[in-house]
PDB file of N, CA and C in Angstrom:
ATOM      1  N   MET A   1     -10.686  37.681-188.852  1.00  0.00           N
ATOM      2  CA  MET A   1     -10.097  38.862-189.651  1.00  0.00           C
ATOM      3  C   MET A   1     -10.691  39.467-189.625  1.00  0.00           C
ATOM      4  N   SER A   2     -10.689  41.209-189.312  1.00  0.00           N
ATOM      5  CA  SER A   2     -11.166  42.018-189.470  1.00  0.00           C
ATOM      6  C   SER A   2     -10.340  42.955-190.437  1.00  0.00           C
ATOM      7  N   GLU A   3     -11.012  44.307-190.926  1.00  0.00           N
ATOM      8  CA  GLU A   3     -10.436  44.965-191.366  1.00  0.00           C
ATOM      9  C   GLU A   3      -9.775  45.925-190.973  1.00  0.00           C
ATOM     10  N   MET A   4      -8.385  46.147-191.845  1.00  0.00           N
ATOM     11  CA  MET A   4      -7.740  47.722-190.751  1.00  0.00           C
ATOM     12  C   MET A   4      -8.791  48.371-190.887  1.00  0.00           C
ATOM     13  N   GLN A   5      -8.854  48.812-189.202  1.00  0.00           N
ATOM     14  CA  GLN A   5      -9.868  49.779-188.450  1.00  0.00           C
ATOM     15  C   GLN A   5      -9.352  50.991-188.788  1.00  0.00           C
ATOM     16  N   LEU A   6      -8.240  51.678-189.075  1.00  0.00           N
ATOM     17  CA  LEU A   6      -7.751  52.882-189.320  1.00  0.00           C
ATOM     18  C   LEU A   6      -7.410  53.183-190.677  1.00  0.00           C
ATOM     19  N   GLN A   7      -8.099  54.248-190.917  1.00  0.00           N
ATOM     20  CA  GLN A   7      -7.529  54.806-192.076  1.00  0.00           C
ATOM     21  C   GLN A   7      -5.987  55.513-192.478  1.00  0.00           C
ATOM     22  N   LEU A   8      -5.419  55.213-193.133  1.00  0.00           N
ATOM     23  CA  LEU A   8      -4.195  55.474-193.642  1.00  0.00           C
ATOM     24  C   LEU A   8      -3.797  56.876-194.406  1.00  0.00           C
ATOM     25  N   PRO A   9      -2.889  57.893-194.288  1.00  0.00           N
ATOM     26  CA  PRO A   9      -3.315  58.785-195.520  1.00  0.00           C
ATOM     27  C   PRO A   9      -2.474  58.185-196.618  1.00  0.00           C
ATOM     28  N   HIS A  10      -1.886  56.997-196.839  1.00  0.00           N
ATOM     29  CA  HIS A  10      -0.831  56.643-197.968  1.00  0.00           C
ATOM     30  C   HIS A  10      -1.946  55.909-198.948  1.00  0.00           C
ATOM     31  N   LEU A  11      -1.429  56.049-200.238  1.00  0.00           N
ATOM     32  CA  LEU A  11      -2.031  55.333-201.597  1.00  0.00           C
ATOM     33  C   LEU A  11      -0.904  54.803-202.037  1.00  0.00           C
ATOM     34  N   PRO A  12      -1.651  53.385-202.509  1.00  0.00           N
ATOM     35  CA  PRO A  12      -0.388  52.187-203.400  1.00  0.00           C
ATOM     36  C   PRO A  12       0.021  53.221-204.332  1.00  0.00           C
ATOM     37  N   PRO A  13       1.262  52.631-204.553  1.00  0.00           N
ATOM     38  CA  PRO A  13       1.936  51.308-204.456  1.00  0.00           C
ATOM     39  C   PRO A  13       2.503  51.729-202.588  1.00  0.00           C
ATOM     40  N   ILE A  14       2.295  52.772-201.724  1.00  0.00           N
ATOM     41  CA  ILE A  14       3.026  52.906-200.777  1.00  0.00           C
ATOM     42  C   ILE A  14       2.157  52.825-199.628  1.00  0.00           C
ATOM     43  N   LEU A  15       1.078  52.021-199.658  1.00  0.00           N
ATOM     44  CA  LEU A  15      -0.400  51.435-199.180  1.00  0.00           C
ATOM     45  C   LEU A  15       0.324  50.153-198.783  1.00  0.00           C
ATOM     46  N   PHE A  16       1.203  49.314-197.936  1.00  0.00           N
ATOM     47  CA  PHE A  16       1.779  48.285-197.203  1.00  0.00           C
ATOM     48  C   PHE A  16       0.450  47.561-196.158  1.00  0.00           C
ATOM     49  N   ALA A  17      -0.007  48.029-195.049  1.00  0.00           N
ATOM     50  CA  ALA A  17      -0.540  47.490-194.181  1.00  0.00           C
ATOM     51  C   ALA A  17      -2.193  47.627-194.678  1.00  0.00           C
ATOM     52  N   LYS A  18      -2.453  46.226-194.864  1.00  0.00           N
ATOM     53  CA  LYS A  18      -3.607  46.046-195.482  1.00  0.00           C
ATOM     54  C   LYS A  18      -5.092  45.449-194.818  1.00  0.00           C
ATOM     55  N   LYS A  19      -4.314  44.671-193.320  1.00  0.00           N
ATOM     56  CA  LYS A  19      -5.610  44.733-192.842  1.00  0.00           C
ATOM     57  C   LYS A  19      -4.999  44.046-191.321  1.00  0.00           C
ATOM     58  N   LEU A  20      -5.926  44.426-190.510  1.00  0.00           N
ATOM     59  CA  LEU A  20      -5.395  43.856-188.886  1.00  0.00           C
ATOM     60  C   LEU A  20      -5.977  42.409-188.862  1.00  0.00           C
ATOM     61  N   LEU A  21      -5.348  41.529-188.482  1.00  0.00           N
ATOM     62  CA  LEU A  21      -5.547  40.177-187.696  1.00  0.00           C
ATOM     63  C   LEU A  21      -6.079  40.205-186.999  1.00  0.00           C
ATOM     64  N   LYS A  22      -5.632  40.615-185.598  1.00  0.00           N
ATOM     65  CA  LYS A  22      -5.361  40.176-184.577  1.00  0.00           C
ATOM     66  C   LYS A  22      -4.762  41.851-183.800  1.00  0.00           C
ATOM     67  N   LYS A  23      -5.777  42.166-182.630  1.00  0.00           N
ATOM     68  CA  LYS A  23      -5.412  42.546-181.471  1.00  0.00           C
ATOM     69  C   LYS A  23      -5.409  42.113-180.365  1.00  0.00           C
ATOM     70  N   ASP A  24      -4.334  42.352-179.350  1.00  0.00           N
ATOM     71  CA  ASP A  24      -4.355  41.817-178.209  1.00  0.00           C
ATOM     72  C   ASP A  24      -3.774  42.656-177.227  1.00  0.00           C
ATOM     73  N   GLY A  25      -4.317  43.813-176.306  1.00  0.00           N
ATOM     74  CA  GLY A  25      -3.781  44.622-175.402  1.00  0.00           C
ATOM     75  C   GLY A  25      -2.734  45.320-176.260  1.00  0.00           C
ATOM     76  N   ASN A  26      -1.761  45.638-176.070  1.00  0.00           N
ATOM     77  CA  ASN A  26      -0.223  46.335-176.864  1.00  0.00           C
ATOM     78  C   ASN A  26      -0.032  45.402-178.170  1.00  0.00           C
ATOM     79  N   THR A  27      -0.786  44.104-178.462  1.00  0.00           N
ATOM     80  CA  THR A  27       0.481  44.091-179.382  1.00  0.00           C
ATOM     81  C   THR A  27      -0.784  43.188-180.823  1.00  0.00           C
ATOM     82  N   ALA A  28      -0.457  43.643-182.044  1.00  0.00           N
ATOM     83  CA  ALA A  28      -1.169  43.447-183.171  1.00  0.00           C
ATOM     84  C   ALA A  28      -0.729  42.834-184.135  1.00  0.00           C
ATOM     85  N   ASN A  29      -1.453  42.261-184.407  1.00  0.00           N
ATOM     86  CA  ASN A  29      -0.809  41.528-186.325  1.00  0.00           C
ATOM     87  C   ASN A  29      -1.365  42.036-187.162  1.00  0.00           C
ATOM     88  N   VAL A  30      -0.819  42.466-187.874  1.00  0.00           N
ATOM     89  CA  VAL A  30      -1.210  43.147-189.427  1.00  0.00           C
ATOM     90  C   VAL A  30      -0.617  42.139-190.744  1.00  0.00           C
ATOM     91  N   LEU A  31      -1.834  42.280-191.826  1.00  0.00           N
ATOM     92  CA  LEU A  31      -1.229  41.704-193.154  1.00  0.00           C
ATOM     93  C   LEU A  31      -0.841  42.665-193.986  1.00  0.00           C
ATOM     94  N   ILE A  32       0.468  42.709-194.614  1.00  0.00           N
ATOM     95  CA  ILE A  32       1.228  43.207-195.323  1.00  0.00           C
ATOM     96  C   ILE A  32       1.332  42.862-196.255  1.00  0.00           C
ATOM     97  N   GLU A  33       1.247  44.253-197.471  1.00  0.00           N
ATOM     98  CA  GLU A  33       1.396  43.326-198.672  1.00  0.00           C
ATOM     99  C   GLU A  33       2.298  44.235-199.748  1.00  0.00           C
ATOM    100  N   PHE A  34       2.675  44.060-200.374  1.00  0.00           N
ATOM    101  CA  PHE A  34       3.766  44.468-201.498  1.00  0.00           C
ATOM    102  C   PHE A  34       3.914  43.847-203.224  1.00  0.00           C
ATOM    103  N   GLU A  35       4.018  45.476-204.089  1.00  0.00           N
ATOM    104  CA  GLU A  35       3.812  44.695-205.005  1.00  0.00           C
ATOM    105  C   GLU A  35       4.859  43.900-205.651  1.00  0.00           C
ATOM    106  N   GLU A  36       6.206  44.219-205.085  1.00  0.00           N
ATOM    107  CA  GLU A  36       7.568  43.296-205.875  1.00  0.00           C
ATOM    108  C   GLU A  36       7.822  42.836-203.920  1.00  0.00           C
ATOM    109  N   TYR A  37       9.030  42.006-204.300  1.00  0.00           N
ATOM    110  CA  TYR A  37       9.677  41.998-203.040  1.00  0.00           C
ATOM    111  C   TYR A  37      10.480  43.119-202.316  1.00  0.00           C
ATOM    112  N   PRO A  38       9.734  43.067-200.853  1.00  0.00           N
ATOM    113  CA  PRO A  38      10.148  44.261-199.789  1.00  0.00           C
ATOM    114  C   PRO A  38      11.408  44.493-199.495  1.00  0.00           C
ATOM    115  N   THR A  39      12.138  45.427-199.759  1.00  0.00           N
ATOM    116  CA  THR A  39      13.592  45.575-199.346  1.00  0.00           C
ATOM    117  C   THR A  39      12.988  46.246-197.604  1.00  0.00           C
ATOM    118  N   LEU A  40      14.299  46.474-197.179  1.00  0.00           N
ATOM    119  CA  LEU A  40      14.038  46.916-195.520  1.00  0.00           C
ATOM    120  C   LEU A  40      14.090  47.843-195.173  1.00  0.00           C
ATOM    121  N   ALA A  41      13.359  48.588-196.115  1.00  0.00           N
ATOM    122  CA  ALA A  41      13.563  50.292-195.766  1.00  0.00           C
ATOM    123  C   ALA A  41      11.590  49.904-195.777  1.00  0.00           C
ATOM    124  N   MET A  42      11.189  49.277-197.083  1.00  0.00           N
ATOM    125  CA  MET A  42       9.869  49.461-197.074  1.00  0.00           C
ATOM    126  C   MET A  42       9.231  48.464-196.242  1.00  0.00           C
ATOM    127  N   LEU A  43       9.899  47.216-195.130  1.00  0.00           N
ATOM    128  CA  LEU A  43       9.251  46.506-194.344  1.00  0.00           C
ATOM    129  C   LEU A  43       9.408  47.829-193.175  1.00  0.00           C
ATOM    130  N   LEU A  44      10.208  48.621-192.742  1.00  0.00           N
ATOM    131  CA  LEU A  44      10.126  49.599-191.368  1.00  0.00           C
ATOM    132  C   LEU A  44       8.717  50.238-192.168  1.00  0.00           C
ATOM    133  N   GLU A  45       8.754  50.693-193.129  1.00  0.00           N
ATOM    134  CA  GLU A  45       7.285  51.190-193.585  1.00  0.00           C
ATOM    135  C   GLU A  45       6.241  50.900-193.161  1.00  0.00           C
ATOM    136  N   ALA A  46       5.832  49.466-193.823  1.00  0.00           N
ATOM    137  CA  ALA A  46       5.312  48.976-192.926  1.00  0.00           C
ATOM    138  C   ALA A  46       4.707  48.525-191.704  1.00  0.00           C
ATOM    139  N   ALA A  47       5.734  48.278-191.046  1.00  0.00           N
ATOM    140  CA  ALA A  47       5.220  48.171-189.863  1.00  0.00           C
ATOM    141  C   ALA A  47       5.077  49.614-188.946  1.00  0.00           C
ATOM    142  N   ALA A  48       6.096  50.601-189.455  1.00  0.00           N
ATOM    143  CA  ALA A  48       5.334  51.745-189.064  1.00  0.00           C
ATOM    144  C   ALA A  48       3.337  52.014-189.092  1.00  0.00           C
ATOM    145  N   GLN A  49       3.103  51.966-190.255  1.00  0.00           N
ATOM    146  CA  GLN A  49       1.719  51.955-190.874  1.00  0.00           C
ATOM    147  C   GLN A  49       0.719  50.854-190.351  1.00  0.00           C
ATOM    148  N   SER A  50       1.831  49.807-189.379  1.00  0.00           N
ATOM    149  CA  SER A  50       0.837  48.812-189.114  1.00  0.00           C
ATOM    150  C   SER A  50       0.521  49.460-187.621  1.00  0.00           C
ATOM    151  N   SER A  51       1.174  50.006-187.414  1.00  0.00           N
ATOM    152  CA  SER A  51       1.176  50.528-185.865  1.00  0.00           C
ATOM    153  C   SER A  51      -0.217  51.846-185.443  1.00  0.00           C
ATOM    154  N   SER A  52      -0.851  51.856-186.807  1.00  0.00           N
ATOM    155  CA  SER A  52      -2.060  52.680-187.101  1.00  0.00           C
ATOM    156  C   SER A  52      -3.300  51.669-185.815  1.00  0.00           C
ATOM    157  N   ALA A  53      -2.899  50.739-185.939  1.00  0.00           N
ATOM    158  CA  ALA A  53      -3.396  49.927-185.054  1.00  0.00           C
ATOM    159  C   ALA A  53      -4.013  49.873-183.926  1.00  0.00           C
ATOM    160  N   PHE A  54      -3.429  50.838-183.491  1.00  0.00           N
ATOM    161  CA  PHE A  54      -2.807  51.317-181.808  1.00  0.00           C
ATOM    162  C   PHE A  54      -3.234  52.648-181.335  1.00  0.00           C
ATOM    163  N   ARG A  55      -4.163  53.664-182.600  1.00  0.00           N
ATOM    164  CA  ARG A  55      -4.376  55.458-182.732  1.00  0.00           C
ATOM    165  C   ARG A  55      -5.774  55.126-181.333  1.00  0.00           C
ATOM    166  N   LYS A  56      -5.468  56.467-180.897  1.00  0.00           N
ATOM    167  CA  LYS A  56      -6.581  56.456-179.758  1.00  0.00           C
ATOM    168  C   LYS A  56      -7.765  56.441-180.487  1.00  0.00           C
ATOM    169  N   HIS A  57      -8.001  57.359-181.296  1.00  0.00           N
ATOM    170  CA  HIS A  57      -9.131  58.324-182.000  1.00  0.00           C
ATOM    171  C   HIS A  57      -8.754  58.390-183.462  1.00  0.00           C
ATOM    172  N   GLU A  58      -9.855  58.391-184.252  1.00  0.00           N
ATOM    173  CA  GLU A  58      -9.927  58.601-185.388  1.00  0.00           C
ATOM    174  C   GLU A  58      -8.924  60.191-186.409  1.00  0.00           C
ATOM    175  N   GLU A  59      -9.006  60.693-185.465  1.00  0.00           N
ATOM    176  CA  GLU A  59      -8.436  62.761-185.206  1.00  0.00           C
ATOM    177  C   GLU A  59      -6.601  61.927-185.509  1.00  0.00           C
ATOM    178  N   GLU A  60      -6.387  61.656-184.911  1.00  0.00           N
ATOM    179  CA  GLU A  60      -4.745  60.771-184.495  1.00  0.00           C
ATOM    180  C   GLU A  60      -3.697  60.769-185.573  1.00  0.00           C
ATOM    181  N   SER A  61      -2.991  61.082-185.409  1.00  0.00           N
ATOM    182  CA  SER A  61      -1.903  61.095-186.594  1.00  0.00           C
ATOM    183  C   SER A  61      -0.594  60.743-186.253  1.00  0.00           C
ATOM    184  N   ALA A  62       0.026  60.315-186.842  1.00  0.00           N
ATOM    185  CA  ALA A  62       1.743  60.411-186.599  1.00  0.00           C
ATOM    186  C   ALA A  62       2.518  60.401-187.684  1.00  0.00           C
ATOM    187  N   PHE A  63       4.215  60.019-187.542  1.00  0.00           N
ATOM    188  CA  PHE A  63       5.138  59.870-188.265  1.00  0.00           C
ATOM    189  C   PHE A  63       6.668  59.280-187.852  1.00  0.00           C
ATOM    190  N   LEU A  64       7.096  58.655-188.313  1.00  0.00           N
ATOM    191  CA  LEU A  64       8.119  58.001-188.538  1.00  0.00           C
ATOM    192  C   LEU A  64       8.905  59.074-187.593  1.00  0.00           C
ATOM    193  N   VAL A  65       9.927  58.958-186.433  1.00  0.00           N
ATOM    194  CA  VAL A  65      11.127  59.539-185.719  1.00  0.00           C
ATOM    195  C   VAL A  65      12.133  59.458-185.883  1.00  0.00           C
ATOM    196  N   SER A  66      12.226  57.639-185.866  1.00  0.00           N
ATOM    197  CA  SER A  66      13.443  57.572-185.510  1.00  0.00           C
ATOM    198  C   SER A  66      13.848  56.166-185.520  1.00  0.00           C
ATOM    199  N   ALA A  67      14.691  54.824-185.471  1.00  0.00           N
ATOM    200  CA  ALA A  67      14.375  53.662-185.995  1.00  0.00           C
ATOM    201  C   ALA A  67      15.590  52.973-185.290  1.00  0.00           C
ATOM    202  N   ARG A  68      15.542  52.207-185.135  1.00  0.00           N
ATOM    203  CA  ARG A  68      16.760  51.840-184.424  1.00  0.00           C
ATOM    204  C   ARG A  68      17.074  49.738-184.386  1.00  0.00           C
ATOM    205  N   ASP A  69      18.035  49.893-184.209  1.00  0.00           N
ATOM    206  CA  ASP A  69      17.995  47.995-184.271  1.00  0.00           C
ATOM    207  C   ASP A  69      17.309  47.500-185.353  1.00  0.00           C
ATOM    208  N   VAL A  70      17.018  47.675-186.239  1.00  0.00           N
ATOM    209  CA  VAL A  70      16.286  47.230-187.806  1.00  0.00           C
ATOM    210  C   VAL A  70      17.171  46.239-187.802  1.00  0.00           C
ATOM    211  N   GLU A  71      16.504  45.064-188.531  1.00  0.00           N
ATOM    212  CA  GLU A  71      17.510  44.192-189.018  1.00  0.00           C
ATOM    213  C   GLU A  71      16.865  43.543-190.213  1.00  0.00           C
ATOM    214  N   LEU A  72      17.360  43.323-190.978  1.00  0.00           N
ATOM    215  CA  LEU A  72      17.016  42.149-192.463  1.00  0.00           C
ATOM    216  C   LEU A  72      17.650  40.866-191.916  1.00  0.00           C
ATOM    217  N   LEU A  73      16.925  40.180-191.403  1.00  0.00           N
ATOM    218  CA  LEU A  73      17.565  38.817-190.777  1.00  0.00           C
ATOM    219  C   LEU A  73      17.364  37.498-192.231  1.00  0.00           C
ATOM    220  N   MET A  74      16.488  38.020-193.086  1.00  0.00           N
ATOM    221  CA  MET A  74      16.417  36.837-194.446  1.00  0.00           C
ATOM    222  C   MET A  74      15.544  37.748-195.860  1.00  0.00           C
ATOM    223  N   ASP A  75      16.457  37.390-196.488  1.00  0.00           N
ATOM    224  CA  ASP A  75      15.443  37.961-198.049  1.00  0.00           C
ATOM    225  C   ASP A  75      13.868  37.477-198.068  1.00  0.00           C
ATOM    226  N   PRO A  76      13.280  38.542-197.890  1.00  0.00           N
ATOM    227  CA  PRO A  76      11.545  37.803-197.990  1.00  0.00           C
ATOM    228  C   PRO A  76      11.835  36.671-199.740  1.00  0.00           C
ATOM    229  N   ASN A  77      10.491  35.726-199.943  1.00  0.00           N
ATOM    230  CA  ASN A  77      10.359  34.824-200.368  1.00  0.00           C
ATOM    231  C   ASN A  77       8.839  35.299-200.981  1.00  0.00           C
ATOM    232  N   SER A  78       8.418  36.058-200.626  1.00  0.00           N
ATOM    233  CA  SER A  78       7.011  36.494-200.907  1.00  0.00           C
ATOM    234  C   SER A  78       6.483  37.940-200.586  1.00  0.00           C
ATOM    235  N   THR A  79       5.586  38.215-201.211  1.00  0.00           N
ATOM    236  CA  THR A  79       5.186  40.190-201.252  1.00  0.00           C
ATOM    237  C   THR A  79       4.051  39.911-200.232  1.00  0.00           C
ATOM    238  N   VAL A  80       3.405  39.225-199.146  1.00  0.00           N
ATOM    239  CA  VAL A  80       2.267  39.201-198.536  1.00  0.00           C
ATOM    240  C   VAL A  80       2.636  38.410-197.502  1.00  0.00           C
ATOM    241  N   LEU A  81       3.422  39.567-196.245  1.00  0.00           N
ATOM    242  CA  LEU A  81       3.924  38.678-195.027  1.00  0.00           C
ATOM    243  C   LEU A  81       3.077  39.192-193.935  1.00  0.00           C
ATOM    244  N   THR A  82       3.547  38.656-192.835  1.00  0.00           N
ATOM    245  CA  THR A  82       2.470  39.287-191.467  1.00  0.00           C
ATOM    246  C   THR A  82       3.788  40.304-190.615  1.00  0.00           C
ATOM    247  N   ALA A  83       2.990  41.875-190.314  1.00  0.00           N
ATOM    248  CA  ALA A  83       3.803  42.148-189.358  1.00  0.00           C
ATOM    249  C   ALA A  83       3.296  41.893-187.392  1.00  0.00           C
ATOM    250  N   GLN A  84       4.049  41.779-186.924  1.00  0.00           N
ATOM    251  CA  GLN A  84       3.532  42.040-185.670  1.00  0.00           C
ATOM    252  C   GLN A  84       4.135  42.826-184.851  1.00  0.00           C
ATOM    253  N   ILE A  85       3.305  44.007-184.504  1.00  0.00           N
ATOM    254  CA  ILE A  85       3.485  45.580-183.545  1.00  0.00           C
ATOM    255  C   ILE A  85       3.332  45.289-182.205  1.00  0.00           C
ATOM    256  N   ILE A  86       4.467  45.721-181.333  1.00  0.00           N
ATOM    257  CA  ILE A  86       4.331  45.910-179.838  1.00  0.00           C
ATOM    258  C   ILE A  86       4.444  47.604-179.507  1.00  0.00           C
ATOM    259  N   ASP A  87       3.525  48.184-179.061  1.00  0.00           N
ATOM    260  CA  ASP A  87       3.125  49.114-178.530  1.00  0.00           C
ATOM    261  C   ASP A  87       3.975  49.591-177.165  1.00  0.00           C
ATOM    262  N   GLU A  88       5.352  49.556-177.356  1.00  0.00           N
ATOM    263  CA  GLU A  88       6.029  49.258-175.529  1.00  0.00           C
ATOM    264  C   GLU A  88       5.615  50.044-174.577  1.00  0.00           C
ATOM    265  N   HIS A  89       5.632  51.443-175.392  1.00  0.00           N
ATOM    266  CA  HIS A  89       5.103  52.661-174.170  1.00  0.00           C
ATOM    267  C   HIS A  89       5.294  53.929-174.956  1.00  0.00           C
ATOM    268  N   THR A  90       4.014  54.359-174.310  1.00  0.00           N
ATOM    269  CA  THR A  90       4.410  56.010-175.147  1.00  0.00           C
ATOM    270  C   THR A  90       5.055  56.856-173.394  1.00  0.00           C
ATOM    271  N   LEU A  91       5.410  58.119-174.235  1.00  0.00           N
ATOM    272  CA  LEU A  91       5.728  59.105-173.671  1.00  0.00           C
ATOM    273  C   LEU A  91       5.217  60.491-174.374  1.00  0.00           C
ATOM    274  N   ASP A  92       4.428  61.342-173.170  1.00  0.00           N
ATOM    275  CA  ASP A  92       3.773  62.398-174.318  1.00  0.00           C
ATOM    276  C   ASP A  92       3.734  62.586-175.431  1.00  0.00           C
ATOM    277  N   ASN A  93       4.136  63.074-176.510  1.00  0.00           N
ATOM    278  CA  ASN A  93       3.385  62.497-177.925  1.00  0.00           C
ATOM    279  C   ASN A  93       4.530  61.664-178.704  1.00  0.00           C
ATOM    280  N   PHE A  94       5.268  60.933-177.911  1.00  0.00           N
ATOM    281  CA  PHE A  94       6.212  59.570-178.508  1.00  0.00           C
ATOM    282  C   PHE A  94       5.684  58.254-178.254  1.00  0.00           C
ATOM    283  N   ARG A  95       5.847  58.069-179.111  1.00  0.00           N
ATOM    284  CA  ARG A  95       5.099  56.080-179.186  1.00  0.00           C
ATOM    285  C   ARG A  95       6.221  55.350-179.731  1.00  0.00           C
ATOM    286  N   TYR A  96       6.799  54.552-178.618  1.00  0.00           N
ATOM    287  CA  TYR A  96       7.850  53.350-178.526  1.00  0.00           C
ATOM    288  C   TYR A  96       7.146  52.237-179.217  1.00  0.00           C
ATOM    289  N   VAL A  97       7.941  51.857-180.158  1.00  0.00           N
ATOM    290  CA  VAL A  97       7.130  50.476-180.952  1.00  0.00           C
ATOM    291  C   VAL A  97       8.126  49.440-181.246  1.00  0.00           C
ATOM    292  N   SER A  98       8.242  48.078-181.240  1.00  0.00           N
ATOM    293  CA  SER A  98       8.916  47.776-181.725  1.00  0.00           C
ATOM    294  C   SER A  98       8.174  46.314-182.486  1.00  0.00           C
ATOM    295  N   PHE A  99       8.896  45.868-183.378  1.00  0.00           N
ATOM    296  CA  PHE A  99       8.260  45.305-184.511  1.00  0.00           C
ATOM    297  C   PHE A  99       8.881  43.599-185.219  1.00  0.00           C
ATOM    298  N   GLN A 100       8.284  43.076-185.163  1.00  0.00           N
ATOM    299  CA  GLN A 100       8.906  41.679-185.986  1.00  0.00           C
ATOM    300  C   GLN A 100       8.043  41.409-187.318  1.00  0.00           C
ATOM    301  N   ILE A 101       8.851  40.878-188.646  1.00  0.00           N
ATOM    302  CA  ILE A 101       7.926  41.018-189.461  1.00  0.00           C
ATOM    303  C   ILE A 101       8.381  39.145-190.026  1.00  0.00           C
ATOM    304  N   PHE A 102       6.712  38.487-189.866  1.00  0.00           N
ATOM    305  CA  PHE A 102       7.049  37.092-190.603  1.00  0.00           C
ATOM    306  C   PHE A 102       7.011  36.996-192.251  1.00  0.00           C
ATOM    307  N   GLU A 103       7.577  35.875-192.585  1.00  0.00           N
ATOM    308  CA  GLU A 103       6.797  35.102-193.854  1.00  0.00           C
ATOM    309  C   GLU A 103       6.357  34.272-193.440  1.00  0.00           C
ATOM    310  N   LEU A 104       5.075  33.869-193.147  1.00  0.00           N
ATOM    311  CA  LEU A 104       4.575  32.352-192.686  1.00  0.00           C
ATOM    312  C   LEU A 104       4.997  31.928-191.117  1.00  0.00           C
ATOM    313  N   ASP A 105       6.056  31.337-190.694  1.00  0.00           N
ATOM    314  CA  ASP A 105       6.113  30.509-189.525  1.00  0.00           C
ATOM    315  C   ASP A 105       7.726  31.697-189.477  1.00  0.00           C
ATOM    316  N   LYS A 106       8.699  32.159-190.156  1.00  0.00           N
ATOM    317  CA  LYS A 106       9.790  32.329-189.708  1.00  0.00           C
ATOM    318  C   LYS A 106       9.890  33.476-189.950  1.00  0.00           C
ATOM    319  N   LEU A 107      10.874  34.356-189.151  1.00  0.00           N
ATOM    320  CA  LEU A 107      11.338  35.559-188.599  1.00  0.00           C
ATOM    321  C   LEU A 107      12.187  36.037-190.182  1.00  0.00           C
ATOM    322  N   ILE A 108      11.823  37.509-190.661  1.00  0.00           N
ATOM    323  CA  ILE A 108      12.571  37.169-191.804  1.00  0.00           C
ATOM    324  C   ILE A 108      13.294  38.822-191.041  1.00  0.00           C
ATOM    325  N   ALA A 109      12.685  39.439-190.207  1.00  0.00           N
ATOM    326  CA  ALA A 109      13.158  41.003-190.237  1.00  0.00           C
ATOM    327  C   ALA A 109      12.388  41.937-188.901  1.00  0.00           C
ATOM    328  N   LYS A 110      13.491  42.560-187.724  1.00  0.00           N
ATOM    329  CA  LYS A 110      12.848  42.688-186.961  1.00  0.00           C
ATOM    330  C   LYS A 110      13.441  44.426-186.641  1.00  0.00           C
ATOM    331  N   GLY A 111      13.097  45.547-185.660  1.00  0.00           N
ATOM    332  CA  GLY A 111      13.430  46.388-185.042  1.00  0.00           C
ATOM    333  C   GLY A 111      12.514  47.060-183.946  1.00  0.00           C
ATOM    334  N   ASN A 112      13.126  48.114-183.788  1.00  0.00           N
ATOM    335  CA  ASN A 112      12.289  49.479-182.931  1.00  0.00           C
ATOM    336  C   ASN A 112      11.781  51.150-183.701  1.00  0.00           C
ATOM    337  N   PHE A 113      10.974  50.874-183.492  1.00  0.00           N
ATOM    338  CA  PHE A 113      11.209  52.665-183.760  1.00  0.00           C
ATOM    339  C   PHE A 113      10.285  53.262-182.688  1.00  0.00           C
ATOM    340  N   VAL A 114      10.629  55.448-183.053  1.00  0.00           N
ATOM    341  CA  VAL A 114       8.945  56.226-182.416  1.00  0.00           C
ATOM    342  C   VAL A 114       8.904  56.655-183.745  1.00  0.00           C
ATOM    343  N   LEU A 115       7.815  56.787-183.121  1.00  0.00           N
ATOM    344  CA  LEU A 115       6.540  57.405-183.928  1.00  0.00           C
ATOM    345  C   LEU A 115       5.999  58.885-182.844  1.00  0.00           C
ATOM    346  N   MET A 116       5.731  60.032-183.428  1.00  0.00           N
ATOM    347  CA  MET A 116       5.384  61.040-182.935  1.00  0.00           C
ATOM    348  C   MET A 116       4.247  61.569-183.060  1.00  0.00           C
ATOM    349  N   VAL A 117       3.288  61.333-182.512  1.00  0.00           N
ATOM    350  CA  VAL A 117       1.857  61.198-182.357  1.00  0.00           C
ATOM    351  C   VAL A 117       1.304  62.749-182.023  1.00  0.00           C
ATOM    352  N   TYR A 118       0.306  63.290-182.860  1.00  0.00           N
ATOM    353  CA  TYR A 118      -0.609  64.687-182.808  1.00  0.00           C
ATOM    354  C   TYR A 118      -1.613  64.303-183.123  1.00  0.00           C
TER     355      TYR A 118
END
């Protein structure tokens, strides 16, 4: 396992992406952790933070501009989860990303979002 390679501007208790577990091409697995059982909004934010694994350079920043097809499939029973992030494609300054959140091997949430990268 490697430490999250890229710094985020977030501070606890809003810093959810803790550690880059694996990165292979356009897919990254990131350990995410919460102080309490997360809501769907917290899971989406954790996924957006986890997409920092795809930053092209240290100065690159991004913010969430839209989300779609975001679903909570089951309530989490843990505060430590794994986010699988897929960098689907980039168009100009927009990065299109899909995500899945797992509790052990159970899929608990999924969706898509768009980041504005600058």
